[in-house]
C-alpha cells in the first residue's frame, strides 16, 4: 500500500518553511506521545516525545499538518528502516 505524502516544495522547488508536519509513531506509558516533526519536507524529520497536553499545544502552536502513521509491512525492514526509538529495545555491546 502506497500512501501519498504532501509535496512541501513550491513550483520553483523552493522549500516552504511555513508548512509543518507531524506523524504520530507511538504512545508510551504515563501518556507520552512519540512523533516525528518536520518543517518544509515531510521526509526530513526529528523524533520527539511529549506528554499529551504538551503535544496538543505543540501541534496548535506550529499549525501542523497531521500525516498518516507509518505502517510496517512484515519482513519489509532493511538496514535503513531504523528509528532512534528502536534503540530502547536493542542491547548494544
C-alpha atoms as a PDB file:
ATOM      1  CA  UNK A   1       0.000   0.000   0.000  1.00  0.00           C
ATOM      2  CA  UNK A   2       1.464   3.349  -1.024  1.00  0.00           C
ATOM      3  CA  UNK A   3       0.419   6.499   0.796  1.00  0.00           C
ATOM      4  CA  UNK A   4       0.746   9.889  -0.812  1.00  0.00           C
ATOM      5  CA  UNK A   5       2.967  12.355   1.070  1.00  0.00           C
ATOM      6  CA  UNK A   6       2.183  16.048   0.604  1.00  0.00           C
ATOM      7  CA  UNK A   7       4.659  17.933  -1.532  1.00  0.00           C
ATOM      8  CA  UNK A   8       6.074  20.829   0.504  1.00  0.00           C
ATOM      9  CA  UNK A   9       8.194  22.430  -2.204  1.00  0.00           C
ATOM     10  CA  UNK A  10       6.559  25.035  -4.385  1.00  0.00           C
ATOM     11  CA  UNK A  11       6.610  25.074  -8.186  1.00  0.00           C
ATOM     12  CA  UNK A  12      10.075  26.663  -8.172  1.00  0.00           C
ATOM     13  CA  UNK A  13      11.379  23.824  -5.979  1.00  0.00           C
ATOM     14  CA  UNK A  14      11.924  26.188  -3.038  1.00  0.00           C
ATOM     15  CA  UNK A  15      11.412  24.765   0.416  1.00  0.00           C
ATOM     16  CA  UNK A  16       8.194  26.019   2.029  1.00  0.00           C
ATOM     17  CA  UNK A  17       9.210  26.507   5.672  1.00  0.00           C
ATOM     18  CA  UNK A  18       5.712  27.649   6.606  1.00  0.00           C
ATOM     19  CA  UNK A  19       4.457  24.057   6.362  1.00  0.00           C
ATOM     20  CA  UNK A  20       4.891  21.906   9.466  1.00  0.00           C
ATOM     21  CA  UNK A  21       4.208  18.169   9.642  1.00  0.00           C
ATOM     22  CA  UNK A  22       3.587  15.714  12.488  1.00  0.00           C
ATOM     23  CA  UNK A  23       3.338  11.934  12.255  1.00  0.00           C
ATOM     24  CA  UNK A  24       2.400  10.079  15.453  1.00  0.00           C
ATOM     25  CA  UNK A  25       4.554   6.955  15.686  1.00  0.00           C
ATOM     26  CA  UNK A  26       3.563   5.586  19.092  1.00  0.00           C
ATOM     27  CA  UNK A  27       2.479   6.116  22.661  1.00  0.00           C
ATOM     28  CA  UNK A  28       4.307   5.346  25.890  1.00  0.00           C
ATOM     29  CA  UNK A  29       3.281   4.814  29.484  1.00  0.00           C
ATOM     30  CA  UNK A  30       2.184   7.819  31.562  1.00  0.00           C
ATOM     31  CA  UNK A  31       0.591   9.430  28.486  1.00  0.00           C
ATOM     32  CA  UNK A  32       3.622  10.284  26.342  1.00  0.00           C
ATOM     33  CA  UNK A  33       3.247  10.657  22.575  1.00  0.00           C
ATOM     34  CA  UNK A  34       6.098   9.664  20.228  1.00  0.00           C
ATOM     35  CA  UNK A  35       6.047  11.584  16.963  1.00  0.00           C
ATOM     36  CA  UNK A  36       8.047  12.855  14.009  1.00  0.00           C
ATOM     37  CA  UNK A  37       8.190  16.600  13.344  1.00  0.00           C
ATOM     38  CA  UNK A  38       9.206  18.104  10.012  1.00  0.00           C
ATOM     39  CA  UNK A  39       9.444  21.600   8.599  1.00  0.00           C
ATOM     40  CA  UNK A  40       9.060  22.023   4.852  1.00  0.00           C
ATOM     41  CA  UNK A  41       9.750  18.411   3.838  1.00  0.00           C
ATOM     42  CA  UNK A  42       7.854  15.531   5.499  1.00  0.00           C
ATOM     43  CA  UNK A  43      10.678  13.115   4.654  1.00  0.00           C
ATOM     44  CA  UNK A  44      13.245  15.038   6.769  1.00  0.00           C
ATOM     45  CA  UNK A  45      12.166  14.907  10.390  1.00  0.00           C
ATOM     46  CA  UNK A  46      13.232  14.664  14.008  1.00  0.00           C
ATOM     47  CA  UNK A  47      11.792  12.253  16.557  1.00  0.00           C
ATOM     48  CA  UNK A  48      10.207  13.831  19.636  1.00  0.00           C
ATOM     49  CA  UNK A  49       8.335  12.713  22.760  1.00  0.00           C
ATOM     50  CA  UNK A  50       5.899  14.929  24.692  1.00  0.00           C
ATOM     51  CA  UNK A  51       3.038  14.312  27.096  1.00  0.00           C
ATOM     52  CA  UNK A  52      -0.451  14.625  25.567  1.00  0.00           C
ATOM     53  CA  UNK A  53      -1.095  18.192  26.777  1.00  0.00           C
ATOM     54  CA  UNK A  54       2.294  19.450  25.539  1.00  0.00           C
ATOM     55  CA  UNK A  55       1.815  17.571  22.237  1.00  0.00           C
ATOM     56  CA  UNK A  56      -1.559  19.258  21.680  1.00  0.00           C
ATOM     57  CA  UNK A  57      -0.019  22.682  22.450  1.00  0.00           C
ATOM     58  CA  UNK A  58       2.951  21.934  20.158  1.00  0.00           C
ATOM     59  CA  UNK A  59       0.663  20.989  17.256  1.00  0.00           C
ATOM     60  CA  UNK A  60      -1.581  24.004  17.762  1.00  0.00           C
ATOM     61  CA  UNK A  61       1.363  26.430  18.076  1.00  0.00           C
ATOM     62  CA  UNK A  62       3.067  25.070  14.935  1.00  0.00           C
ATOM     63  CA  UNK A  63      -0.199  24.698  12.974  1.00  0.00           C
ATOM     64  CA  UNK A  64       0.890  21.246  11.840  1.00  0.00           C
ATOM     65  CA  UNK A  65      -0.481  19.018   9.138  1.00  0.00           C
ATOM     66  CA  UNK A  66      -1.041  15.529  10.582  1.00  0.00           C
ATOM     67  CA  UNK A  67       0.412  12.784   8.391  1.00  0.00           C
ATOM     68  CA  UNK A  68      -0.751   9.151   8.452  1.00  0.00           C
ATOM     69  CA  UNK A  69       1.022   6.906  10.951  1.00  0.00           C
ATOM     70  CA  UNK A  70       3.722   4.732   9.400  1.00  0.00           C
ATOM     71  CA  UNK A  71       2.824   1.160   8.600  1.00  0.00           C
ATOM     72  CA  UNK A  72       5.471  -1.515   8.580  1.00  0.00           C
ATOM     73  CA  UNK A  73       4.902  -4.495   6.362  1.00  0.00           C
ATOM     74  CA  UNK A  74       6.064  -7.787   7.838  1.00  0.00           C
ATOM     75  CA  UNK A  75       9.567  -8.606   6.628  1.00  0.00           C
ATOM     76  CA  UNK A  76       9.958  -5.238   4.907  1.00  0.00           C
ATOM     77  CA  UNK A  77      12.614  -3.870   7.285  1.00  0.00           C
ATOM     78  CA  UNK A  78      16.088  -3.244   5.940  1.00  0.00           C
ATOM     79  CA  UNK A  79      19.257  -1.529   7.176  1.00  0.00           C
ATOM     80  CA  UNK A  80      17.759   1.926   6.560  1.00  0.00           C
ATOM     81  CA  UNK A  81      14.421   1.176   8.222  1.00  0.00           C
ATOM     82  CA  UNK A  82      15.526   2.105  11.743  1.00  0.00           C
ATOM     83  CA  UNK A  83      14.382   4.733  14.230  1.00  0.00           C
ATOM     84  CA  UNK A  84      16.017   6.124  17.339  1.00  0.00           C
ATOM     85  CA  UNK A  85      13.048   4.803  19.340  1.00  0.00           C
ATOM     86  CA  UNK A  86      14.082   1.284  18.230  1.00  0.00           C
ATOM     87  CA  UNK A  87      17.244   1.634  20.335  1.00  0.00           C
ATOM     88  CA  UNK A  88      15.171   1.304  23.516  1.00  0.00           C
ATOM     89  CA  UNK A  89      14.610  -2.323  22.581  1.00  0.00           C
ATOM     90  CA  UNK A  90      18.162  -3.099  21.422  1.00  0.00           C
ATOM     91  CA  UNK A  91      21.054  -4.212  23.587  1.00  0.00           C
ATOM     92  CA  UNK A  92      24.344  -2.724  22.417  1.00  0.00           C
ATOM     93  CA  UNK A  93      27.733  -4.189  23.314  1.00  0.00           C
END
